[in-house]
Protein backbone atom coordinates (compact mmCIF):
# COMPACT_ATOMS: atom_id res chain seq x y z
CA MET A 1 62.08 15.96 -0.07
CA SER A 2 60.33 18.26 -2.57
CA PHE A 3 62.01 18.61 -5.95
CA ASP A 4 59.86 21.51 -7.17
CA ASP A 5 62.55 24.12 -6.46
CA TYR A 6 65.33 22.22 -8.25
CA ARG A 7 65.87 23.27 -11.87
CA GLY A 8 68.76 23.41 -14.30
CA VAL A 9 71.74 21.36 -15.37
CA TRP A 10 75.17 22.41 -14.10
CA VAL A 11 78.70 21.56 -15.16
CA PHE A 12 81.68 22.13 -12.89
CA ILE A 13 84.13 24.03 -15.12
CA GLU A 14 87.59 22.72 -14.34
CA VAL A 15 90.57 24.96 -15.09
CA LYS A 16 93.85 23.43 -16.20
CA ASP A 17 96.97 25.46 -16.97
CA GLY A 18 94.98 28.67 -17.27
CA ALA A 19 92.36 27.30 -19.67
CA VAL A 20 89.08 25.42 -19.44
CA ALA A 21 89.84 21.70 -19.28
CA PRO A 22 88.69 19.78 -22.39
CA VAL A 23 86.55 17.45 -20.29
CA SER A 24 84.48 20.43 -19.12
CA LEU A 25 83.78 21.44 -22.73
CA GLU A 26 82.74 17.84 -23.42
CA LEU A 27 80.38 17.91 -20.44
CA LEU A 28 78.84 21.17 -21.62
CA GLY A 29 77.91 19.32 -24.80
CA ALA A 30 76.30 16.49 -22.84
CA GLY A 31 74.69 18.96 -20.44
CA ARG A 32 73.21 20.93 -23.32
CA THR A 33 71.38 17.82 -24.49
CA LEU A 34 70.01 17.12 -21.01
CA ALA A 35 68.99 20.74 -20.44
CA ASP A 36 67.20 20.99 -23.78
CA LYS A 37 65.31 17.78 -23.07
CA ARG A 38 64.19 19.21 -19.73
CA LYS A 39 63.54 22.66 -21.26
CA THR A 40 65.77 24.28 -18.68
CA GLU A 41 69.04 26.20 -18.63
CA LEU A 42 72.58 24.90 -18.74
CA ALA A 43 74.97 26.56 -16.30
CA GLY A 44 78.65 26.32 -15.56
CA VAL A 45 80.31 26.85 -12.18
CA LEU A 46 83.78 28.39 -12.50
CA ILE A 47 86.01 28.56 -9.42
CA GLY A 48 89.55 29.94 -9.33
CA HIS A 49 91.68 33.06 -9.35
CA ARG A 50 91.64 35.37 -12.38
CA VAL A 51 89.27 32.99 -14.15
CA THR A 52 86.32 35.27 -14.96
CA GLY A 53 87.53 35.67 -18.53
CA LEU A 54 87.23 31.91 -19.06
CA ALA A 55 83.46 32.18 -18.82
CA ALA A 56 83.48 33.18 -22.49
CA ALA A 57 84.59 29.66 -23.45
CA ALA A 58 81.73 28.14 -21.43
CA PHE A 59 79.21 30.33 -23.26
CA GLU A 60 80.68 29.50 -26.66
CA TYR A 61 80.40 25.78 -25.90
CA GLY A 62 76.80 25.80 -24.76
CA ALA A 63 76.32 27.37 -21.31
CA ASP A 64 73.47 29.84 -20.75
CA THR A 65 74.73 31.02 -17.35
CA VAL A 66 78.09 30.91 -15.59
CA TYR A 67 78.47 31.31 -11.83
CA VAL A 68 81.96 32.58 -11.02
CA TYR A 69 83.92 32.48 -7.76
CA ASP A 70 87.06 34.48 -8.54
CA ASP A 71 89.33 35.04 -5.54
CA PRO A 72 93.00 34.49 -4.59
CA ILE A 73 91.89 31.87 -2.07
CA PHE A 74 90.97 29.67 -5.05
CA THR A 75 94.37 30.02 -6.76
CA HIS A 76 95.08 26.30 -6.30
CA TYR A 77 92.55 23.53 -6.00
CA ARG A 78 91.87 22.49 -2.43
CA THR A 79 88.94 20.31 -1.48
CA GLU A 80 87.84 22.54 1.37
CA THR A 81 87.73 25.85 -0.50
CA PHE A 82 86.18 24.58 -3.72
CA MET A 83 83.65 22.46 -1.84
CA LYS A 84 82.45 25.40 0.23
CA ALA A 85 82.02 27.55 -2.86
CA LEU A 86 80.12 24.90 -4.78
CA LEU A 87 77.97 24.01 -1.77
CA ALA A 88 77.04 27.65 -1.27
CA CYS A 89 76.12 28.02 -4.93
CA THR A 90 74.15 24.78 -4.96
CA GLN A 91 72.18 25.64 -1.85
CA LYS A 92 71.40 29.11 -3.22
CA TYR A 93 70.30 28.19 -6.75
CA LYS A 94 69.27 24.49 -6.38
CA PRO A 95 70.30 22.76 -9.61
CA GLU A 96 68.63 19.52 -10.62
CA ILE A 97 71.80 17.92 -12.02
CA ILE A 98 75.54 18.56 -11.59
CA LEU A 99 78.16 16.97 -13.85
CA TYR A 100 81.88 16.76 -13.11
CA GLY A 101 84.82 15.48 -15.12
CA ALA A 102 86.18 12.23 -13.70
CA THR A 103 89.61 13.78 -13.20
CA SER A 104 91.51 13.77 -9.93
CA THR A 105 90.01 17.19 -9.17
CA GLY A 106 86.50 16.40 -10.33
CA LYS A 107 86.26 13.09 -8.50
CA ASP A 108 87.60 14.58 -5.29
CA LEU A 109 85.25 17.56 -5.39
CA ALA A 110 82.17 15.58 -6.40
CA SER A 111 82.59 13.04 -3.61
CA ALA A 112 83.10 15.79 -1.03
CA VAL A 113 80.01 17.70 -2.17
CA ALA A 114 77.90 14.52 -2.29
CA THR A 115 78.85 13.69 1.28
CA ASP A 116 78.08 17.14 2.62
CA LEU A 117 74.72 17.76 0.92
CA PRO A 118 74.04 14.72 1.11
CA THR A 119 73.01 13.24 -2.23
CA GLY A 120 73.94 10.44 -4.59
CA LEU A 121 76.90 10.33 -6.96
CA THR A 122 77.42 8.03 -9.93
CA ALA A 123 81.12 7.64 -10.73
CA ASP A 124 82.75 7.09 -14.14
CA THR A 125 79.54 7.41 -16.11
CA THR A 126 79.72 6.51 -19.81
CA LEU A 127 76.13 7.27 -20.90
CA LEU A 128 73.81 10.07 -19.76
CA ASP A 129 70.12 10.62 -20.33
CA VAL A 130 67.24 12.22 -18.48
CA GLU A 131 63.55 11.47 -18.21
CA GLU A 132 61.84 14.44 -19.82
CA ASP A 133 58.86 14.50 -17.47
CA THR A 134 60.37 13.56 -14.12
CA GLY A 135 63.90 14.94 -14.52
CA LEU A 136 65.35 11.66 -13.30
CA LEU A 137 68.98 11.39 -14.43
CA LEU A 138 69.84 8.07 -16.07
CA ALA A 139 73.56 7.62 -15.48
CA SER A 140 74.91 4.39 -16.98
CA ARG A 141 78.26 2.71 -16.44
CA PRO A 142 79.78 -0.78 -16.72
CA ALA A 143 79.43 -2.91 -13.58
CA PHE A 144 80.47 -6.32 -12.29
CA GLY A 145 83.89 -6.15 -13.92
CA GLY A 146 82.51 -4.72 -17.14
CA ASN A 147 80.15 -7.62 -17.79
CA ILE A 148 76.95 -5.56 -17.72
CA MET A 149 75.83 -1.96 -18.10
CA ALA A 150 74.10 -0.58 -14.99
CA THR A 151 71.91 2.51 -14.99
CA ILE A 152 72.13 4.32 -11.65
CA LEU A 153 69.23 6.44 -10.40
CA CYS A 154 69.01 8.92 -7.55
CA LYS A 155 65.29 9.00 -6.83
CA LYS A 156 65.16 10.52 -3.36
CA TYR A 157 67.72 13.33 -3.33
CA ARG A 158 68.71 16.42 -5.31
CA PRO A 159 70.85 17.49 -6.98
CA GLN A 160 71.64 14.34 -8.95
CA MET A 161 75.37 14.11 -9.63
CA ALA A 162 77.70 12.15 -11.85
CA THR A 163 81.34 12.16 -12.86
CA VAL A 164 82.15 11.48 -16.52
CA ARG A 165 85.52 10.40 -17.82
CA PRO A 166 87.39 12.57 -20.34
CA LYS A 167 86.77 11.79 -24.01
CA VAL A 168 83.57 9.84 -23.37
CA MET A 169 81.30 12.75 -24.39
CA LYS A 170 81.76 15.13 -27.30
CA ALA A 171 81.93 18.91 -27.09
CA LEU A 172 79.61 20.95 -29.25
CA PRO A 173 81.14 22.94 -32.11
CA ARG A 174 82.35 26.26 -30.78
CA GLU A 175 79.84 29.06 -31.42
CA GLU A 176 82.15 32.07 -31.53
CA GLY A 177 80.71 35.19 -29.95
CA ARG A 178 77.92 33.36 -28.12
CA THR A 179 77.27 34.97 -24.74
CA GLY A 180 75.17 34.36 -21.67
CA LYS A 181 74.51 35.54 -18.14
CA LEU A 182 77.55 35.96 -15.91
CA ILE A 183 76.84 35.86 -12.17
CA GLU A 184 79.72 36.70 -9.81
CA GLU A 185 79.51 35.05 -6.41
CA SER A 186 81.63 35.13 -3.26
CA ILE A 187 81.83 33.42 0.13
CA PRO A 188 83.20 34.78 3.43
CA LEU A 189 86.28 32.57 3.51
CA GLN A 190 89.70 33.66 4.74
CA GLU A 191 93.03 31.91 4.30
CA GLU A 192 93.40 31.41 8.05
CA ASP A 193 90.12 29.43 7.99
CA VAL A 194 91.53 26.84 5.57
CA ARG A 195 93.27 23.82 7.06
CA THR A 196 95.36 22.87 4.03
CA LYS A 197 98.08 24.85 2.26
CA VAL A 198 99.66 24.31 -1.14
CA LEU A 199 103.42 24.53 -0.59
CA GLU A 200 104.68 23.43 -3.98
CA ILE A 201 103.43 21.90 -7.22
CA VAL A 202 105.81 19.39 -8.80
CA ARG A 203 105.20 18.38 -12.39
CA ARG A 204 106.62 15.09 -13.64
CA THR A 205 107.75 15.10 -17.25
CA THR A 206 108.18 12.19 -19.61
CA GLN A 207 109.44 11.76 -23.14
CA GLN A 208 106.50 9.54 -24.03
CA VAL A 209 103.22 11.00 -25.27
CA ARG A 210 100.25 10.23 -23.01
CA ILE A 211 98.16 7.38 -24.38
CA ASP A 212 95.02 9.53 -24.30
CA GLU A 213 96.74 12.12 -26.52
CA ALA A 214 98.04 9.68 -29.14
CA ASP A 215 96.85 9.67 -32.75
CA ILE A 216 97.48 5.93 -33.05
CA VAL A 217 97.17 3.34 -30.28
CA VAL A 218 98.19 -0.30 -30.61
CA SER A 219 96.62 -2.30 -27.79
CA GLY A 220 97.24 -5.92 -26.88
CA GLY A 221 95.34 -8.40 -24.76
CA LYS A 222 95.84 -11.76 -23.10
CA GLY A 223 95.73 -13.32 -26.55
CA MET A 224 99.38 -12.27 -26.89
CA GLY A 225 100.22 -15.16 -24.57
CA GLY A 226 102.72 -13.54 -22.24
CA PRO A 227 105.25 -10.71 -21.79
CA GLU A 228 107.43 -12.03 -24.60
CA GLY A 229 104.56 -12.20 -27.05
CA PHE A 230 103.42 -8.75 -25.98
CA GLN A 231 106.69 -7.37 -27.33
CA LEU A 232 105.15 -7.68 -30.80
CA ILE A 233 102.70 -4.96 -29.74
CA HIS A 234 105.63 -2.69 -28.88
CA ARG A 235 107.30 -3.45 -32.21
CA LEU A 236 104.21 -2.64 -34.26
CA ALA A 237 103.69 0.55 -32.26
CA GLY A 238 107.30 1.52 -32.92
CA VAL A 239 106.87 1.22 -36.68
CA LEU A 240 103.65 3.25 -36.65
CA GLY A 241 104.82 5.92 -34.20
CA ALA A 242 101.99 4.82 -31.94
CA ALA A 243 101.34 4.59 -28.21
CA VAL A 244 100.99 1.16 -26.61
CA GLY A 245 97.73 0.24 -24.92
CA ALA A 246 96.62 -2.86 -23.07
CA SER A 247 93.58 -4.64 -21.71
CA ARG A 248 92.95 -4.94 -17.98
CA ASP A 249 93.99 -8.61 -17.95
CA VAL A 250 97.40 -7.72 -19.35
CA VAL A 251 97.98 -5.02 -16.74
CA GLU A 252 96.83 -7.26 -13.90
CA ALA A 253 99.19 -9.96 -15.18
CA GLY A 254 102.07 -7.48 -14.83
CA TRP A 255 103.06 -7.39 -18.50
CA ILE A 256 102.86 -3.58 -18.64
CA GLU A 257 102.23 -0.61 -16.31
CA HIS A 258 98.71 0.51 -15.40
CA HIS A 259 98.90 3.84 -17.24
CA HIS A 260 98.76 1.85 -20.51
CA GLN A 261 95.40 0.28 -19.61
CA VAL A 262 92.49 1.20 -21.87
CA GLY A 263 89.00 0.82 -20.47
CA GLN A 264 86.62 1.65 -17.67
CA THR A 265 89.24 1.20 -14.96
CA GLY A 266 92.02 2.59 -17.13
CA VAL A 267 92.21 5.38 -19.71
CA THR A 268 89.64 6.47 -22.28
CA VAL A 269 91.25 7.05 -25.67
CA THR A 270 89.98 8.53 -28.96
CA PRO A 271 92.84 8.12 -31.43
CA LYS A 272 92.49 8.36 -35.18
CA ILE A 273 93.42 4.66 -35.43
CA TYR A 274 93.04 2.01 -32.73
CA PHE A 275 94.41 -1.53 -33.04
CA ALA A 276 92.85 -4.13 -30.72
CA ILE A 277 95.01 -7.25 -30.94
CA GLY A 278 94.28 -10.38 -28.96
CA ILE A 279 91.56 -8.51 -27.06
CA SER A 280 88.23 -10.26 -26.50
CA GLY A 281 86.10 -7.12 -26.40
CA ALA A 282 84.57 -6.98 -22.91
CA ILE A 283 82.37 -3.95 -22.19
CA GLN A 284 84.99 -2.70 -19.72
CA HIS A 285 87.47 -2.31 -22.58
CA ILE A 286 85.04 -1.16 -25.26
CA VAL A 287 83.91 1.92 -23.32
CA GLY A 288 87.50 3.10 -23.24
CA MET A 289 88.05 3.09 -27.02
CA GLN A 290 84.69 3.00 -28.77
CA ASN A 291 84.92 6.61 -29.98
CA SER A 292 88.18 6.02 -31.89
CA GLY A 293 88.18 7.15 -35.51
CA LEU A 294 89.07 3.76 -37.01
CA ILE A 295 89.13 0.51 -35.04
CA ILE A 296 91.03 -2.51 -36.38
CA ALA A 297 90.70 -5.81 -34.52
CA ILE A 298 92.84 -8.95 -34.80
CA ASN A 299 91.69 -12.10 -33.02
CA LYS A 300 91.81 -15.80 -33.83
CA ASP A 301 88.32 -16.34 -32.41
CA PRO A 302 85.74 -15.40 -35.09
CA GLU A 303 83.09 -15.08 -32.35
CA ALA A 304 85.10 -12.58 -30.27
CA ALA A 305 82.96 -9.67 -29.09
CA ILE A 306 85.58 -7.18 -30.32
CA PHE A 307 84.42 -7.79 -33.90
CA GLN A 308 81.08 -6.20 -32.99
CA SER A 309 82.83 -2.92 -32.19
CA CYS A 310 85.45 -2.60 -34.93
CA HIS A 311 85.43 -1.11 -38.42
CA TYR A 312 87.79 -3.76 -39.80
CA GLY A 313 88.38 -7.20 -38.34
CA ILE A 314 91.02 -9.81 -39.13
CA VAL A 315 90.39 -13.39 -37.97
CA GLY A 316 93.75 -15.07 -37.54
CA ASP A 317 96.84 -15.71 -35.42
CA ALA A 318 98.33 -12.42 -34.22
CA PHE A 319 101.79 -14.01 -34.15
CA GLU A 320 101.55 -14.55 -37.89
CA ILE A 321 99.74 -11.33 -38.78
CA ILE A 322 101.72 -8.76 -36.77
CA PRO A 323 105.13 -9.59 -38.34
CA LEU A 324 103.53 -9.17 -41.77
CA LEU A 325 102.09 -5.81 -40.75
CA ILE A 326 105.43 -4.70 -39.34
CA GLU A 327 107.15 -5.65 -42.60
CA GLN A 328 104.63 -3.91 -44.84
CA PHE A 329 104.26 -0.77 -42.71
CA THR A 330 108.04 -0.46 -42.50
CA LYS A 331 108.28 -0.56 -46.30
CA ALA A 332 105.34 1.77 -46.83
CA LEU A 333 106.56 4.34 -44.33
CA GLY A 334 110.15 4.14 -45.52
CA GLY A 335 111.43 3.77 -42.01
CA LYS A 336 112.59 1.20 -39.53
CA GLU A 337 111.45 -0.18 -36.24
CA ASP A 338 111.90 2.44 -33.53
CA GLY A 339 110.58 3.50 -30.15
CA TYR A 340 106.90 4.41 -30.09
CA VAL A 341 105.99 8.06 -29.52
CA GLY A 342 102.25 8.20 -30.04
CA LYS A 343 102.01 11.06 -32.56
CA VAL A 344 102.21 11.09 -36.33
């Protein structure tokens, strides 16, 4: 397979609630770095209905070109319609690299496109780089349960593709008024040709703030001993108005639901303050919280790996330290222990 015709870095621009999804803006930042290193253009692919106006955001966050498929048939995401549009665009313009957000939409679309082309796909990437001369994408992610970092290469096929989890990369500062080349595309696809129909969209609401949206996260690990000991994590979170997080071991032990899990197989969080209590600091967990503003670790093992990734570390027994923190934070904040909400 000759790679001479393949040029450019692409980002699939996901639309959520009528706006460009934050993960797509983050990927434009990462894509800009890759494209500049390869001295090529950065492009976005925007698919939907009445979405052409959203191309402006892609330009302001780094894209040089935006390919737009704007048609009622793309009103709701369906694998078949979006895949056909992206395949047509890929086969026409031949990008070297395509990046997707590791959301339910991005992962579904990326895997479908990879199967049909065919090409390789690296899932849940946490680090991206590219060889300047060869254009080989270096997509790294934790492997073997988070014990090592593996760099995945796709040497024999193009385009090279990867999904990247939200909040792992950082968006560039918005450059207001920046513009680029808008290319409107279309495919001969009719509704009667599509096998799936969207009958209804049901949104589930909750009173709790999502852990990945929280300003403060208090996470506990197996060092809390058991479900009873883990209640101290809930109490500290309640005083701070924080969301509760957990390590994979805690979730697998059944102490708390999976949506509280922070890490490679859980949620990536970037709060202003992150407490890691009784957490050893495996790579699998670190990649899910390493971009937090301030990381505070508490562990009785002075050699725990978590101390290599925190800003402040306390070596000691969490069962002695947490009650003291609860007492002092309660006094300082002039409040009382309450249910955690995740925002301050």
